Amino acid sequence: MQKPIVEIEFCTQCRWLLRAAWLAQELLTTFDGDLKSVNLVPGTGGILEVRCDGVVIFSRKAAGRFPEAKELKQLIRDVIDPERSLGHSDTPVSP
């Protein structure tokens, strides 16, 4: 089985590179060895979208907010290994 690829598309006009890079670092630390890569994809128009193997798992536009790191970890985990425990990151995400 091939390891999943995560893409974080971020708006360069909004200067969201640091936010996207931080989220990438959080995912790479949590899923060390479980992901093929986490790619940062420059975009425009206020986009911040996270995809796993091409499937959108979080969209800032659709949610109306930025994702929390633990929320992204849960979403990625649910796609790649639903039975995996994330420890303290498994607590419910506040709305």
Protein backbone atom coordinates (compact mmCIF):
# COMPACT_ATOMS: atom_id res chain seq x y z
CA MET A 1 0.00 0.00 0.00
CA GLN A 2 1.30 3.42 -0.95
CA LYS A 3 1.65 6.06 1.74
CA PRO A 4 -0.72 9.04 1.44
CA ILE A 5 0.31 12.48 0.20
CA VAL A 6 -1.04 15.52 2.02
CA GLU A 7 -1.21 18.91 0.30
CA ILE A 8 -1.72 22.21 2.05
CA GLU A 9 -2.66 24.91 -0.44
CA PHE A 10 -2.25 28.37 1.04
CA CYS A 11 -2.79 31.93 -0.15
CA THR A 12 0.44 33.74 -0.94
CA GLN A 13 -1.41 37.08 -1.18
CA CYS A 14 -2.57 36.64 2.43
CA ARG A 15 0.94 35.62 3.56
CA TRP A 16 -0.21 32.30 5.01
CA LEU A 17 3.04 30.42 4.27
CA LEU A 18 4.12 30.33 7.92
CA ARG A 19 0.71 29.01 9.03
CA ALA A 20 0.79 26.33 6.32
CA ALA A 21 4.38 25.37 7.17
CA TRP A 22 3.51 25.07 10.86
CA LEU A 23 0.55 22.81 10.05
CA ALA A 24 2.81 20.71 7.80
CA GLN A 25 5.35 20.36 10.60
CA GLU A 26 2.62 19.27 13.03
CA LEU A 27 1.40 16.60 10.60
CA LEU A 28 4.92 15.36 9.80
CA THR A 29 5.73 15.08 13.49
CA THR A 30 2.52 13.22 14.35
CA PHE A 31 2.51 10.91 11.33
CA ASP A 32 6.26 10.27 11.14
CA GLY A 33 6.74 7.44 8.67
CA ASP A 34 3.02 7.17 7.81
CA LEU A 35 2.90 9.85 5.10
CA LYS A 36 4.79 9.91 1.81
CA SER A 37 4.95 13.71 1.93
CA VAL A 38 3.28 16.91 3.02
CA ASN A 39 3.43 19.40 0.16
CA LEU A 40 2.97 23.14 0.42
CA VAL A 41 1.10 24.46 -2.63
CA PRO A 42 1.09 28.22 -3.26
CA GLY A 43 -2.31 29.60 -4.20
CA THR A 44 -4.26 32.86 -4.25
CA GLY A 45 -7.69 34.21 -3.43
CA GLY A 46 -7.68 33.50 0.30
CA ILE A 47 -7.36 29.72 -0.07
CA LEU A 48 -6.27 27.45 2.75
CA GLU A 49 -7.19 23.93 1.82
CA VAL A 50 -5.87 20.59 3.04
CA ARG A 51 -6.11 17.53 0.82
CA CYS A 52 -5.16 13.91 1.42
CA ASP A 53 -4.50 12.00 -1.81
CA GLY A 54 -6.40 14.70 -3.71
CA VAL A 55 -9.51 14.62 -1.51
CA VAL A 56 -10.32 17.85 0.35
CA ILE A 57 -10.43 17.18 4.08
CA PHE A 58 -10.47 20.80 5.24
CA SER A 59 -11.32 24.06 3.50
CA ARG A 60 -11.05 27.42 5.25
CA LYS A 61 -13.67 28.82 2.88
CA ALA A 62 -16.20 26.04 3.61
CA ALA A 63 -15.55 26.06 7.38
CA GLY A 64 -15.34 29.85 7.67
CA ARG A 65 -12.25 29.55 9.87
CA PHE A 66 -8.73 28.17 10.06
CA PRO A 67 -8.21 24.57 11.18
CA GLU A 68 -6.80 23.68 14.57
CA ALA A 69 -3.73 21.43 14.44
CA LYS A 70 -5.41 18.66 16.43
CA GLU A 71 -8.45 18.86 14.17
CA LEU A 72 -6.27 18.27 11.09
CA LYS A 73 -4.51 15.41 12.85
CA GLN A 74 -7.87 13.78 13.56
CA LEU A 75 -9.05 14.27 9.98
CA ILE A 76 -5.83 12.80 8.53
CA ARG A 77 -5.92 9.92 11.01
CA ASP A 78 -9.53 9.16 10.10
CA VAL A 79 -8.45 8.77 6.47
CA ILE A 80 -5.19 6.84 6.87
CA ASP A 81 -5.66 4.81 10.08
CA PRO A 82 -9.07 5.22 11.81
CA GLU A 83 -8.15 2.87 14.67
CA ARG A 84 -5.03 4.84 15.65
CA SER A 85 -5.00 6.72 18.94
CA LEU A 86 -3.70 10.27 18.88
CA GLY A 87 -3.40 10.52 22.66
CA HIS A 88 -4.18 14.01 23.91
CA SER A 89 -5.02 15.12 20.36
CA ASP A 90 -8.06 12.82 20.43
CA THR A 91 -10.06 15.12 22.70
CA PRO A 92 -13.02 16.75 20.96
CA VAL A 93 -12.28 19.87 18.92
CA SER A 94 -14.08 22.94 20.19
CA PRO A 95 -16.62 24.31 17.68
